[in-house]
Amino acid sequence: MAASLRQAQTPEPQITAISTGFDRITSDVHSMALTFFSFTAIVLVAAFSARRRSELPHLDSQQQTQRDSKHEAVA
């Protein structure tokens, strides 16, 4: 980018200011992307855990019902 600004005969102080601003923007974008993906990962893990936790009592009651029906069939 700086090379194209120099080729366009942009004054050096402006090139420095533009380069600094561009570097700051790319750093902010990187930080925002990292924050977004971290937040998304946490939400997905929490949702998966909540779903898994809500399924466990249902599975336990299903297994208990199957055990009870096997005992009745034997007797």
N, C-alpha and C. Protein backbone atom coordinates (compact mmCIF):
# COMPACT_ATOMS: atom_id res chain seq x y z
N MET A 1 0.83 -1.18 0.00
CA MET A 1 0.00 0.00 0.00
C MET A 1 0.88 1.26 0.00
N ALA A 2 1.90 1.25 0.83
CA ALA A 2 2.78 2.41 0.91
C ALA A 2 3.48 2.65 -0.43
N ALA A 3 3.82 1.57 -1.11
CA ALA A 3 4.49 1.71 -2.41
C ALA A 3 3.57 2.40 -3.42
N SER A 4 2.30 2.03 -3.41
CA SER A 4 1.38 2.67 -4.37
C SER A 4 1.14 4.13 -4.00
N LEU A 5 1.14 4.45 -2.70
CA LEU A 5 0.99 5.85 -2.29
C LEU A 5 2.21 6.67 -2.71
N ARG A 6 3.39 6.06 -2.58
CA ARG A 6 4.61 6.77 -3.01
C ARG A 6 4.61 6.96 -4.52
N GLN A 7 4.13 5.94 -5.22
CA GLN A 7 4.07 6.04 -6.68
C GLN A 7 3.10 7.15 -7.10
N ALA A 8 2.06 7.37 -6.29
CA ALA A 8 1.10 8.43 -6.59
C ALA A 8 1.60 9.79 -6.08
N GLN A 9 2.83 9.83 -5.60
CA GLN A 9 3.48 11.05 -5.13
C GLN A 9 2.75 11.68 -3.94
N THR A 10 2.29 10.82 -3.04
CA THR A 10 1.66 11.28 -1.81
C THR A 10 2.76 11.71 -0.86
N PRO A 11 2.59 12.83 -0.16
CA PRO A 11 3.62 13.28 0.80
C PRO A 11 3.85 12.23 1.90
N GLU A 12 5.09 12.13 2.33
CA GLU A 12 5.49 11.10 3.31
C GLU A 12 4.72 11.17 4.63
N PRO A 13 4.43 12.35 5.19
CA PRO A 13 3.64 12.37 6.44
C PRO A 13 2.25 11.76 6.26
N GLN A 14 1.65 11.95 5.11
CA GLN A 14 0.33 11.35 4.87
C GLN A 14 0.45 9.83 4.72
N ILE A 15 1.51 9.39 4.08
CA ILE A 15 1.73 7.94 3.94
C ILE A 15 1.87 7.30 5.32
N THR A 16 2.63 7.95 6.19
CA THR A 16 2.81 7.44 7.56
C THR A 16 1.49 7.41 8.30
N ALA A 17 0.71 8.48 8.18
CA ALA A 17 -0.59 8.54 8.87
C ALA A 17 -1.54 7.47 8.33
N ILE A 18 -1.58 7.29 7.02
CA ILE A 18 -2.46 6.29 6.41
C ILE A 18 -2.04 4.89 6.83
N SER A 19 -0.74 4.63 6.81
CA SER A 19 -0.22 3.32 7.20
C SER A 19 -0.54 3.01 8.66
N THR A 20 -0.36 4.00 9.53
CA THR A 20 -0.66 3.82 10.95
C THR A 20 -2.14 3.54 11.16
N GLY A 21 -2.99 4.29 10.50
CA GLY A 21 -4.43 4.08 10.60
C GLY A 21 -4.83 2.71 10.09
N PHE A 22 -4.25 2.31 8.98
CA PHE A 22 -4.56 1.00 8.41
C PHE A 22 -4.13 -0.12 9.35
N ASP A 23 -2.94 0.02 9.94
CA ASP A 23 -2.46 -0.99 10.89
C ASP A 23 -3.38 -1.07 12.10
N ARG A 24 -3.85 0.06 12.57
CA ARG A 24 -4.75 0.08 13.73
C ARG A 24 -6.07 -0.60 13.38
N ILE A 25 -6.59 -0.33 12.19
CA ILE A 25 -7.85 -0.95 11.77
C ILE A 25 -7.70 -2.46 11.67
N THR A 26 -6.62 -2.93 11.04
CA THR A 26 -6.44 -4.37 10.91
C THR A 26 -6.27 -5.04 12.28
N SER A 27 -5.62 -4.36 13.20
CA SER A 27 -5.47 -4.89 14.55
C SER A 27 -6.83 -4.97 15.24
N ASP A 28 -7.65 -3.94 15.09
CA ASP A 28 -8.99 -3.94 15.69
C ASP A 28 -9.87 -5.02 15.08
N VAL A 29 -9.78 -5.22 13.78
CA VAL A 29 -10.57 -6.26 13.12
C VAL A 29 -10.15 -7.63 13.62
N HIS A 30 -8.86 -7.84 13.76
CA HIS A 30 -8.37 -9.12 14.29
C HIS A 30 -8.90 -9.35 15.71
N SER A 31 -8.84 -8.34 16.52
CA SER A 31 -9.32 -8.45 17.89
C SER A 31 -10.82 -8.74 17.93
N MET A 32 -11.58 -8.04 17.09
CA MET A 32 -13.03 -8.27 17.04
C MET A 32 -13.36 -9.67 16.57
N ALA A 33 -12.64 -10.17 15.57
CA ALA A 33 -12.88 -11.51 15.06
C ALA A 33 -12.57 -12.56 16.13
N LEU A 34 -11.48 -12.37 16.84
CA LEU A 34 -11.13 -13.30 17.91
C LEU A 34 -12.19 -13.30 19.00
N THR A 35 -12.66 -12.13 19.37
CA THR A 35 -13.71 -12.02 20.38
C THR A 35 -14.99 -12.69 19.91
N PHE A 36 -15.37 -12.45 18.66
CA PHE A 36 -16.60 -13.03 18.12
C PHE A 36 -16.53 -14.55 18.11
N PHE A 37 -15.43 -15.11 17.63
CA PHE A 37 -15.33 -16.56 17.56
C PHE A 37 -15.22 -17.19 18.94
N SER A 38 -14.59 -16.51 19.87
CA SER A 38 -14.54 -17.01 21.25
C SER A 38 -15.93 -17.02 21.86
N PHE A 39 -16.67 -15.94 21.67
CA PHE A 39 -18.03 -15.86 22.19
C PHE A 39 -18.91 -16.95 21.57
N THR A 40 -18.78 -17.13 20.25
CA THR A 40 -19.59 -18.14 19.56
C THR A 40 -19.26 -19.54 20.09
N ALA A 41 -18.00 -19.82 20.31
CA ALA A 41 -17.61 -21.13 20.83
C ALA A 41 -18.19 -21.36 22.22
N ILE A 42 -18.16 -20.34 23.07
CA ILE A 42 -18.71 -20.46 24.42
C ILE A 42 -20.22 -20.69 24.36
N VAL A 43 -20.92 -19.97 23.50
CA VAL A 43 -22.37 -20.15 23.37
C VAL A 43 -22.69 -21.56 22.88
N LEU A 44 -21.93 -22.05 21.90
CA LEU A 44 -22.18 -23.40 21.39
C LEU A 44 -21.94 -24.47 22.45
N VAL A 45 -20.88 -24.32 23.21
CA VAL A 45 -20.60 -25.29 24.28
C VAL A 45 -21.70 -25.24 25.34
N ALA A 46 -22.13 -24.05 25.71
CA ALA A 46 -23.19 -23.92 26.71
C ALA A 46 -24.50 -24.52 26.20
N ALA A 47 -24.84 -24.27 24.95
CA ALA A 47 -26.06 -24.82 24.37
C ALA A 47 -26.00 -26.34 24.31
N PHE A 48 -24.86 -26.87 23.91
CA PHE A 48 -24.69 -28.32 23.85
C PHE A 48 -24.81 -28.93 25.24
N SER A 49 -24.20 -28.30 26.22
CA SER A 49 -24.26 -28.81 27.60
C SER A 49 -25.68 -28.77 28.14
N ALA A 50 -26.39 -27.69 27.88
CA ALA A 50 -27.77 -27.57 28.35
C ALA A 50 -28.66 -28.62 27.68
N ARG A 51 -28.45 -28.82 26.41
CA ARG A 51 -29.26 -29.82 25.69
C ARG A 51 -28.95 -31.21 26.22
N ARG A 52 -27.68 -31.48 26.44
CA ARG A 52 -27.27 -32.80 26.94
C ARG A 52 -27.84 -33.02 28.35
N ARG A 53 -27.80 -31.99 29.16
CA ARG A 53 -28.32 -32.09 30.53
C ARG A 53 -29.82 -32.33 30.52
N SER A 54 -30.54 -31.70 29.60
CA SER A 54 -31.99 -31.89 29.55
C SER A 54 -32.37 -33.26 29.01
N GLU A 55 -31.49 -33.90 28.23
CA GLU A 55 -31.77 -35.23 27.70
C GLU A 55 -31.47 -36.33 28.71
N LEU A 56 -30.56 -36.12 29.63
CA LEU A 56 -30.16 -37.16 30.57
C LEU A 56 -31.31 -37.66 31.45
N PRO A 57 -32.13 -36.81 32.08
CA PRO A 57 -33.24 -37.33 32.88
C PRO A 57 -34.22 -38.15 32.02
N HIS A 58 -34.42 -37.73 30.80
CA HIS A 58 -35.33 -38.45 29.91
C HIS A 58 -34.77 -39.84 29.61
N LEU A 59 -33.47 -39.93 29.36
CA LEU A 59 -32.84 -41.22 29.07
C LEU A 59 -32.86 -42.11 30.30
N ASP A 60 -32.63 -41.55 31.49
CA ASP A 60 -32.66 -42.34 32.72
C ASP A 60 -34.04 -42.93 32.96
N SER A 61 -35.08 -42.14 32.76
CA SER A 61 -36.44 -42.65 32.96
C SER A 61 -36.78 -43.71 31.92
N GLN A 62 -36.29 -43.55 30.70
CA GLN A 62 -36.51 -44.55 29.66
C GLN A 62 -35.84 -45.87 30.03
N GLN A 63 -34.62 -45.81 30.52
CA GLN A 63 -33.90 -47.03 30.91
C GLN A 63 -34.58 -47.70 32.10
N GLN A 64 -35.07 -46.92 33.03
CA GLN A 64 -35.77 -47.47 34.19
C GLN A 64 -37.04 -48.18 33.74
N THR A 65 -37.76 -47.60 32.80
CA THR A 65 -38.98 -48.21 32.28
C THR A 65 -38.66 -49.53 31.59
N GLN A 66 -37.57 -49.56 30.82
CA GLN A 66 -37.16 -50.80 30.15
C GLN A 66 -36.78 -51.87 31.17
N ARG A 67 -36.08 -51.49 32.23
CA ARG A 67 -35.70 -52.46 33.26
C ARG A 67 -36.94 -53.01 33.96
N ASP A 68 -37.90 -52.14 34.26
CA ASP A 68 -39.12 -52.57 34.92
C ASP A 68 -39.90 -53.55 34.04
N SER A 69 -39.97 -53.25 32.74
CA SER A 69 -40.72 -54.13 31.84
C SER A 69 -40.02 -55.48 31.69
N LYS A 70 -38.69 -55.51 31.75
CA LYS A 70 -37.96 -56.80 31.69
C LYS A 70 -38.22 -57.63 32.93
N HIS A 71 -38.27 -56.97 34.11
CA HIS A 71 -38.52 -57.68 35.35
C HIS A 71 -39.93 -58.24 35.37
N GLU A 72 -40.88 -57.51 34.84
CA GLU A 72 -42.26 -57.99 34.79
C GLU A 72 -42.40 -59.16 33.83
N ALA A 73 -41.65 -59.13 32.73
CA ALA A 73 -41.73 -60.19 31.74
C ALA A 73 -41.13 -61.49 32.32
N VAL A 74 -40.11 -61.40 33.13
CA VAL A 74 -39.47 -62.56 33.73
C VAL A 74 -40.38 -63.18 34.79
N ALA A 75 -41.06 -62.34 35.55
CA ALA A 75 -41.90 -62.82 36.66
C ALA A 75 -43.18 -63.36 36.14
